[in-house]
Amino acid sequence: MDRRDNFQPEAPVQVDSTLCSRYRSTKSPCAACAVVCPVPGAVRLAEEGAVIGNACLGCGACVSACPNGALRLLPDGDARFSARIRERVQPSAVFRMACVRADGEAELLVPCLSRLTEALVMEPLRGGASRVELRSPDCSACGLAKAAPQWRKVVEFTQALCATAGLAVDRVAGVRTSVGKARESQPAAGAANPRRAMFRAVAERWEAIDVAQATSTATPPAPPEAFRQIVQRHAENPKRIALLEVLSTLPGAQPRSHVLPNVLPVAAIPVAQLEADSRCVGCNVCETLCPVSALAHREEAGNYVLELDAARCTGCRICEAVCYYQAIHVRATVDLAVLFDHSRIALVAAPKRTCRTCGESFLGESADRCPSCRQSGDRRDAVARRFFAGGSQSEQF
């Protein structure tokens, strides 16, 4: 039987379009949520970004896959899972996470391991666990098999974070088990009783459904805002905030440089470092369209400074794609130590000037014309020299 036939959804999925790369720029190739979704038609990519259809099972794989935190499960995202982990973690003990098909006992059961994010996987380590195991049987026989690469990706990235923190890589590991009856161990003494926890879980699910229905059946929506106004707002990336909070309080962490190749596809590693060159004109398009507020500028004493908070950057490459002057680039490597260092890096620092030809602002030390006007003027001069030397425009092109 296809497991999707009797799968019990955890909760409805909500999308914050302002955090979605596909919404903020049509040039974004990101399709992380659609790639991992195991249900045909449950996720659709449209002009407004990711759209969740009625076929959604609420497995949460898309929530884990989205680097910008644009998708979350109602009503409280990952907060409930984090609380359950903190109730069950025991110092110096192994903390087991398992899917509901895995035989044996685990401290945390989830419908699919691909529901887990890096922050959730590292939460037991923050609580003092000696090791975190993600226990799974063969995923190929599961109706949610398409989502399986996501949890393996989370394990690999979490292991890289452990190495960056100076911890043993094997403190997080995937463990193969047989198919059987999964059992969730009870919380430590003094925690809520299991019957109460069961009723609370049912209440939470009904609350989530009520929230979703209220959202869809509320008063008629207000007239749509212009895209230009919407993109001026920048929401916080809840997924990255949760991860940075865990990393900042990780026992025994001694952060060190850990450089990885920043390979395609987009957000294969959901972190990036950027560089910019003198072609930047300070137009702020990259800052405006950045989904996660990783880029910000300031102006002081006639100088323009564009800064990067690399701990926020998810490597979506929108800034690189939308820069008309091709002044900003994603570096070929990324040092994961930036997730432990929250300092802002100045990518561009230059005087801001006004072009005497077109009146637009640009950056430069002494030029009096912007790059576009200089380029078009140089081209006109070249044509004129050719003409007066006895050539023709047709020879020039």
Protein backbone atom coordinates (compact mmCIF):
# COMPACT_ATOMS: atom_id res chain seq x y z
CA MET A 1 0.00 0.00 0.00
CA ASP A 2 1.24 3.48 -0.83
CA ARG A 3 1.95 5.14 2.49
CA ARG A 4 0.39 8.33 1.18
CA ASP A 5 -3.05 6.63 1.19
CA ASN A 6 -3.32 6.66 4.98
CA PHE A 7 -0.79 9.35 5.86
CA GLN A 8 -1.93 11.64 8.65
CA PRO A 9 -0.93 15.23 7.87
CA GLU A 10 0.90 17.07 10.60
CA ALA A 11 -0.61 20.47 9.81
CA PRO A 12 -1.32 22.83 6.93
CA VAL A 13 1.62 24.59 5.29
CA GLN A 14 1.70 28.37 5.04
CA VAL A 15 3.82 30.36 2.58
CA ASP A 16 5.32 33.79 3.23
CA SER A 17 5.80 34.98 -0.33
CA THR A 18 8.03 37.88 0.67
CA LEU A 19 10.67 35.32 1.71
CA CYS A 20 10.27 33.24 -1.45
CA SER A 21 13.07 33.72 -4.01
CA ARG A 22 10.75 32.91 -6.89
CA TYR A 23 8.38 35.70 -5.86
CA ARG A 24 11.04 38.36 -5.39
CA SER A 25 12.67 37.69 -8.77
CA THR A 26 11.56 35.79 -11.87
CA LYS A 27 15.27 35.15 -12.49
CA SER A 28 15.49 32.89 -9.45
CA PRO A 29 15.90 29.22 -10.42
CA CYS A 30 15.04 27.99 -6.91
CA ALA A 31 12.62 25.05 -6.88
CA ALA A 32 13.70 23.38 -3.63
CA CYS A 33 10.16 22.89 -2.30
CA ALA A 34 8.83 21.38 -5.54
CA VAL A 35 11.86 19.10 -5.95
CA VAL A 36 11.38 17.36 -2.58
CA CYS A 37 7.58 17.27 -2.49
CA PRO A 38 6.48 13.60 -2.75
CA VAL A 39 2.90 14.38 -3.82
CA PRO A 40 2.23 15.38 -7.45
CA GLY A 41 0.49 18.75 -7.63
CA ALA A 42 0.91 19.62 -3.95
CA VAL A 43 3.45 22.38 -4.70
CA ARG A 44 3.13 24.72 -7.66
CA LEU A 45 5.61 27.45 -8.61
CA ALA A 46 3.86 30.60 -9.85
CA GLU A 47 4.42 34.35 -10.12
CA GLU A 48 3.51 34.71 -6.45
CA GLY A 49 6.14 32.11 -5.54
CA ALA A 50 5.40 28.69 -4.09
CA VAL A 51 1.71 27.79 -3.89
CA ILE A 52 0.54 24.87 -1.73
CA GLY A 53 -2.41 22.94 -3.17
CA ASN A 54 -5.09 20.82 -1.53
CA ALA A 55 -3.15 17.64 -2.29
CA CYS A 56 -0.57 18.60 0.37
CA LEU A 57 -0.10 15.95 3.07
CA GLY A 58 1.68 18.27 5.48
CA CYS A 59 4.77 16.02 5.61
CA GLY A 60 6.95 19.13 6.02
CA ALA A 61 9.71 18.20 3.56
CA CYS A 62 9.23 21.51 1.74
CA VAL A 63 9.62 23.38 5.05
CA SER A 64 12.98 21.72 5.61
CA ALA A 65 14.12 22.27 2.02
CA CYS A 66 13.32 25.99 1.74
CA PRO A 67 16.53 27.84 2.66
CA ASN A 68 14.72 31.16 3.17
CA GLY A 69 12.15 29.88 5.66
CA ALA A 70 9.31 30.93 3.35
CA LEU A 71 7.27 27.83 4.27
CA ARG A 72 6.17 26.83 7.73
CA LEU A 73 3.71 24.44 9.32
CA LEU A 74 0.82 26.01 11.18
CA PRO A 75 0.28 27.00 13.87
CA ASP A 76 3.74 27.37 15.41
CA GLY A 77 6.31 26.13 12.89
CA ASP A 78 9.17 24.26 14.58
CA ALA A 79 8.51 25.53 18.10
CA ARG A 80 6.51 22.45 19.11
CA PHE A 81 9.17 20.04 17.88
CA SER A 82 11.89 22.02 19.67
CA ALA A 83 9.93 21.86 22.90
CA ARG A 84 9.42 18.10 22.57
CA ILE A 85 13.14 17.62 22.01
CA ARG A 86 14.03 19.66 25.09
CA GLU A 87 11.60 17.57 27.17
CA ARG A 88 13.23 14.30 26.11
CA VAL A 89 16.95 15.04 25.76
CA GLN A 90 19.23 13.52 28.41
CA PRO A 91 22.76 14.84 28.98
CA SER A 92 25.48 12.49 27.66
CA ALA A 93 22.89 10.14 26.12
CA VAL A 94 22.12 9.31 22.50
CA PHE A 95 19.08 11.10 21.13
CA ARG A 96 17.23 9.10 18.47
CA MET A 97 14.98 10.61 15.82
CA ALA A 98 13.03 8.21 13.63
CA CYS A 99 10.34 8.07 11.00
CA VAL A 100 7.14 6.22 11.84
CA ARG A 101 8.22 3.21 9.71
CA ALA A 102 11.41 2.59 11.67
CA ASP A 103 11.41 -0.39 14.03
CA GLY A 104 12.26 0.31 17.64
CA GLU A 105 12.16 3.10 20.16
CA ALA A 106 13.14 6.72 19.57
CA GLU A 107 12.97 9.93 21.57
CA LEU A 108 11.26 11.74 18.67
CA LEU A 109 9.03 10.31 15.94
CA VAL A 110 8.23 12.30 12.80
CA PRO A 111 6.09 11.35 9.80
CA CYS A 112 9.18 11.64 7.59
CA LEU A 113 12.77 12.44 8.52
CA SER A 114 12.78 15.01 5.73
CA ARG A 115 10.63 17.14 8.01
CA LEU A 116 13.71 17.87 10.14
CA THR A 117 15.79 21.03 9.76
CA GLU A 118 19.41 21.54 10.75
CA ALA A 119 18.30 23.47 13.85
CA LEU A 120 16.04 20.61 15.00
CA VAL A 121 18.77 18.01 14.44
CA MET A 122 21.27 20.04 16.47
CA GLU A 123 18.82 20.90 19.26
CA PRO A 124 19.66 17.71 21.25
CA LEU A 125 23.37 18.59 21.07
CA ARG A 126 22.55 21.96 22.56
CA GLY A 127 20.78 20.06 25.37
CA GLY A 128 23.90 17.99 26.08
CA ALA A 129 23.20 14.82 24.08
CA SER A 130 26.32 12.86 23.19
CA ARG A 131 25.07 11.97 19.73
CA VAL A 132 22.04 12.40 17.46
CA GLU A 133 20.90 9.48 15.33
CA LEU A 134 18.40 9.74 12.49
CA ARG A 135 16.99 6.24 12.21
CA SER A 136 15.36 5.19 8.95
CA PRO A 137 14.48 1.97 7.11
CA ASP A 138 14.87 1.68 3.35
CA CYS A 139 13.12 4.76 1.96
CA SER A 140 12.62 3.31 -1.54
CA ALA A 141 9.54 1.34 -0.40
CA CYS A 142 7.89 4.41 1.14
CA GLY A 143 5.27 6.54 -0.58
CA LEU A 144 7.26 9.61 0.51
CA ALA A 145 10.49 8.32 -1.06
CA LYS A 146 10.94 11.40 -3.24
CA ALA A 147 11.57 13.46 -0.11
CA ALA A 148 14.31 11.13 1.22
CA PRO A 149 17.29 13.05 -0.28
CA GLN A 150 16.33 16.04 1.85
CA TRP A 151 16.97 14.40 5.23
CA ARG A 152 20.28 13.01 3.98
CA LYS A 153 21.23 16.52 2.86
CA VAL A 154 20.34 17.84 6.31
CA VAL A 155 22.58 15.20 7.92
CA GLU A 156 25.52 16.13 5.66
CA PHE A 157 25.12 19.85 6.30
CA THR A 158 24.73 19.31 10.05
CA GLN A 159 27.91 17.22 10.08
CA ALA A 160 29.71 20.08 8.32
CA LEU A 161 28.41 22.47 10.99
CA CYS A 162 29.73 20.14 13.70
CA ALA A 163 33.16 20.18 12.04
CA THR A 164 33.05 23.99 11.91
CA ALA A 165 32.16 24.11 15.60
CA GLY A 166 35.13 21.89 16.42
CA LEU A 167 32.91 18.93 17.36
CA ALA A 168 33.23 15.34 16.14
CA VAL A 169 31.44 14.86 12.84
CA ASP A 170 29.94 11.54 13.98
CA ARG A 171 27.92 13.27 16.68
CA VAL A 172 25.21 13.41 14.01
CA ALA A 173 24.59 10.33 11.88
CA GLY A 174 22.03 8.52 9.79
CA VAL A 175 21.35 4.94 10.94
CA ARG A 176 19.68 2.26 8.83
CA THR A 177 17.02 0.19 10.60
CA SER A 178 14.43 -2.38 9.59
CA VAL A 179 10.78 -1.64 8.91
CA GLY A 180 8.65 -2.22 11.96
CA LYS A 181 6.68 -0.62 14.74
CA ALA A 182 8.07 2.71 15.89
CA ARG A 183 7.66 3.69 19.52
CA GLU A 184 8.31 7.09 21.03
CA SER A 185 9.96 6.97 24.44
CA GLN A 186 8.38 8.90 27.27
CA PRO A 187 9.76 12.24 28.47
CA ALA A 188 11.96 12.40 31.53
CA ALA A 189 10.33 12.31 34.96
CA GLY A 190 8.41 15.44 35.72
CA ALA A 191 7.42 16.06 32.12
CA ALA A 192 3.84 16.07 30.91
CA ASN A 193 2.02 12.78 31.06
CA PRO A 194 1.59 10.88 27.77
CA ARG A 195 -2.24 10.94 27.74
CA ARG A 196 -2.18 14.68 28.23
CA ALA A 197 0.44 14.99 25.51
CA MET A 198 -1.75 12.96 23.16
CA PHE A 199 -4.77 15.19 23.74
CA ARG A 200 -2.55 18.25 23.36
CA ALA A 201 -1.30 16.96 19.99
CA VAL A 202 -4.89 16.45 18.80
CA ALA A 203 -5.82 19.94 19.98
CA GLU A 204 -2.82 21.40 18.18
CA ARG A 205 -3.84 19.72 14.93
CA TRP A 206 -7.39 21.07 15.16
CA GLU A 207 -5.99 24.49 16.00
CA ALA A 208 -3.80 24.35 12.91
CA ILE A 209 -6.77 23.45 10.74
CA ASP A 210 -8.83 26.26 12.30
CA VAL A 211 -6.03 28.74 11.62
CA ALA A 212 -5.81 27.64 7.98
CA GLN A 213 -9.57 27.90 7.51
CA ALA A 214 -9.70 31.28 9.20
CA THR A 215 -6.96 32.49 6.89
CA SER A 216 -8.83 31.35 3.80
CA THR A 217 -12.36 32.37 4.89
CA ALA A 218 -11.61 35.66 6.61
CA THR A 219 -13.00 38.99 5.50
CA PRO A 220 -12.48 39.83 1.82
CA PRO A 221 -8.83 40.63 1.14
CA ALA A 222 -7.71 44.20 0.73
CA PRO A 223 -6.74 45.44 -2.73
CA PRO A 224 -3.39 43.93 -3.72
CA GLU A 225 -0.30 46.00 -3.04
CA ALA A 226 2.08 46.93 -5.80
CA PHE A 227 5.07 44.61 -6.09
CA ARG A 228 7.41 47.59 -5.59
CA GLN A 229 5.88 48.23 -2.17
CA ILE A 230 5.89 44.59 -1.09
CA VAL A 231 9.57 43.97 -1.83
CA GLN A 232 10.54 46.96 0.28
CA ARG A 233 9.55 44.85 3.29
CA HIS A 234 11.96 42.22 4.54
CA ALA A 235 10.74 39.53 6.91
CA GLU A 236 13.10 37.61 9.17
CA ASN A 237 14.09 34.12 8.02
CA PRO A 238 12.75 31.99 10.93
CA LYS A 239 14.67 28.92 9.80
CA ARG A 240 18.04 30.72 9.86
CA ILE A 241 17.25 32.51 13.12
CA ALA A 242 16.57 29.16 14.80
CA LEU A 243 19.82 27.69 13.46
CA LEU A 244 21.93 30.68 14.54
CA GLU A 245 20.39 30.51 18.02
CA VAL A 246 21.33 26.84 18.36
CA LEU A 247 24.87 27.41 17.07
CA SER A 248 25.44 30.35 19.41
CA THR A 249 24.64 28.21 22.48
CA LEU A 250 26.22 24.91 21.42
CA PRO A 251 28.16 23.41 24.35
CA GLY A 252 31.86 22.95 23.69
CA ALA A 253 31.79 24.79 20.36
CA GLN A 254 35.11 26.26 19.27
CA PRO A 255 34.40 27.69 15.81
CA ARG A 256 37.10 27.42 13.19
CA SER A 257 37.42 27.90 9.46
CA HIS A 258 35.73 25.20 7.40
CA VAL A 259 35.73 26.02 3.69
CA LEU A 260 33.47 24.17 1.26
CA PRO A 261 32.99 24.53 -2.50
CA ASN A 262 29.82 26.51 -3.20
CA VAL A 263 28.52 24.27 -5.95
CA LEU A 264 25.33 24.44 -7.99
CA PRO A 265 22.40 23.78 -7.92
CA VAL A 266 21.22 26.89 -6.13
CA ALA A 267 21.27 26.57 -2.34
CA ALA A 268 23.02 23.17 -2.46
CA ILE A 269 24.78 24.74 0.53
CA PRO A 270 22.35 27.28 2.03
CA VAL A 271 25.12 29.73 2.87
CA ALA A 272 27.20 31.98 0.62
CA GLN A 273 29.81 34.71 0.66
CA LEU A 274 29.66 37.53 -1.88
CA GLU A 275 32.08 39.90 -3.53
CA ALA A 276 31.49 43.11 -5.49
CA ASP A 277 33.66 45.20 -7.77
CA SER A 278 33.96 48.79 -8.99
CA ARG A 279 31.11 48.39 -11.48
CA CYS A 280 28.61 48.81 -8.63
CA VAL A 281 26.61 52.06 -9.01
CA GLY A 282 24.75 51.87 -5.70
CA CYS A 283 21.32 51.30 -7.26
CA ASN A 284 20.23 49.09 -4.30
CA VAL A 285 18.38 46.60 -6.51
CA CYS A 286 20.28 43.69 -4.93
CA GLU A 287 19.38 44.89 -1.44
CA THR A 288 15.71 45.42 -2.32
CA LEU A 289 15.24 41.98 -3.88
CA CYS A 290 17.27 40.02 -1.31
CA PRO A 291 14.66 37.81 0.41
CA VAL A 292 16.50 37.50 3.73
CA SER A 293 17.96 40.97 4.38
CA ALA A 294 21.52 39.78 3.96
CA LEU A 295 22.42 42.96 2.06
CA ALA A 296 22.03 46.50 3.42
CA HIS A 297 23.51 49.85 2.51
CA ARG A 298 24.23 53.02 4.41
CA GLU A 299 25.29 56.48 3.33
CA GLU A 300 27.40 58.79 5.42
CA ALA A 301 29.46 61.88 4.59
CA GLY A 302 28.84 61.43 0.87
CA ASN A 303 30.05 57.82 0.87
CA TYR A 304 28.02 54.74 -0.05
CA VAL A 305 28.68 51.44 1.76
CA LEU A 306 27.05 48.12 0.78
CA GLU A 307 27.36 45.52 3.53
CA LEU A 308 26.78 41.77 3.70
CA ASP A 309 25.64 39.78 6.72
CA ALA A 310 26.92 36.40 5.53
CA ALA A 311 25.24 34.58 8.43
CA ARG A 312 21.87 35.53 6.90
CA CYS A 313 22.77 34.79 3.27
CA THR A 314 21.20 31.59 1.91
CA GLY A 315 22.97 31.53 -1.47
CA CYS A 316 19.83 32.17 -3.53
CA ARG A 317 21.93 34.15 -6.08
CA ILE A 318 19.20 36.69 -6.77
CA CYS A 319 21.64 39.56 -6.22
CA GLU A 320 23.97 38.09 -8.84
CA ALA A 321 21.14 37.55 -11.32
CA VAL A 322 19.52 40.99 -11.07
CA CYS A 323 22.66 43.17 -11.06
CA TYR A 324 22.52 45.05 -14.40
CA TYR A 325 26.24 45.90 -14.21
CA GLN A 326 27.28 42.38 -13.11
CA ALA A 327 29.10 43.90 -10.18
CA ILE A 328 28.19 41.34 -7.53
CA HIS A 329 29.10 37.65 -7.50
CA VAL A 330 28.76 34.60 -5.30
CA ARG A 331 32.19 33.30 -4.36
CA ALA A 332 33.19 29.82 -5.49
CA THR A 333 33.76 28.75 -1.88
CA VAL A 334 32.07 29.44 1.43
CA ASP A 335 33.51 29.33 4.94
CA LEU A 336 30.85 27.98 7.30
CA ALA A 337 32.52 29.90 10.13
CA VAL A 338 30.46 32.91 9.01
CA LEU A 339 27.48 31.30 10.74
CA PHE A 340 29.26 31.74 14.07
CA ASP A 341 30.49 35.27 13.29
CA HIS A 342 27.68 37.79 12.89
CA SER A 343 29.82 40.71 11.74
CA ARG A 344 28.86 42.64 8.60
CA ILE A 345 31.34 42.81 5.72
CA ALA A 346 31.68 45.91 3.51
CA LEU A 347 31.43 44.76 -0.12
CA VAL A 348 31.53 48.28 -1.59
CA ALA A 349 32.71 51.57 -0.10
CA ALA A 350 32.98 54.57 -2.43
CA PRO A 351 31.90 58.19 -2.82
CA LYS A 352 28.43 58.65 -4.29
CA ARG A 353 28.26 61.03 -7.24
CA THR A 354 25.70 62.34 -9.73
CA CYS A 355 26.20 61.87 -13.47
CA ARG A 356 26.41 65.23 -15.24
CA THR A 357 24.89 63.70 -18.39
CA CYS A 358 21.84 61.74 -17.20
CA GLY A 359 21.54 62.88 -13.57
CA GLU A 360 21.60 59.35 -12.14
CA SER A 361 23.61 58.45 -9.05
CA PHE A 362 26.73 56.32 -9.34
CA LEU A 363 29.86 55.49 -7.39
CA GLY A 364 33.35 56.72 -8.20
CA GLU A 365 36.33 58.69 -7.02
CA SER A 366 36.70 61.26 -9.79
CA ALA A 367 34.56 60.44 -12.84
CA ASP A 368 31.76 62.88 -13.68
CA ARG A 369 29.70 60.45 -15.78
CA CYS A 370 28.08 57.16 -14.83
CA PRO A 371 29.25 53.87 -16.40
CA SER A 372 26.33 53.79 -18.89
CA CYS A 373 27.01 57.28 -20.18
CA ARG A 374 30.75 56.66 -20.33
CA GLN A 375 30.15 53.46 -22.30
CA SER A 376 27.75 55.08 -24.76
CA GLY A 377 30.01 58.14 -25.08
CA ASP A 378 33.08 56.00 -25.79
CA ARG A 379 31.12 54.18 -28.46
CA ARG A 380 30.05 57.43 -30.14
CA ASP A 381 33.63 58.69 -30.05
CA ALA A 382 34.88 55.47 -31.66
CA VAL A 383 32.30 55.77 -34.47
CA ALA A 384 33.23 59.42 -35.03
CA ARG A 385 36.95 58.66 -35.22
CA ARG A 386 36.26 55.90 -37.69
CA PHE A 387 34.05 58.17 -39.81
CA PHE A 388 36.54 61.04 -40.01
CA ALA A 389 39.37 58.58 -40.75
CA GLY A 390 37.55 57.62 -43.96
CA GLY A 391 35.72 54.50 -42.75
CA SER A 392 31.99 53.92 -42.32
CA GLN A 393 29.64 52.91 -39.59
CA SER A 394 28.97 49.63 -41.32
CA GLU A 395 32.67 48.77 -41.02
CA GLN A 396 32.51 49.50 -37.34
CA PHE A 397 29.80 46.91 -36.67
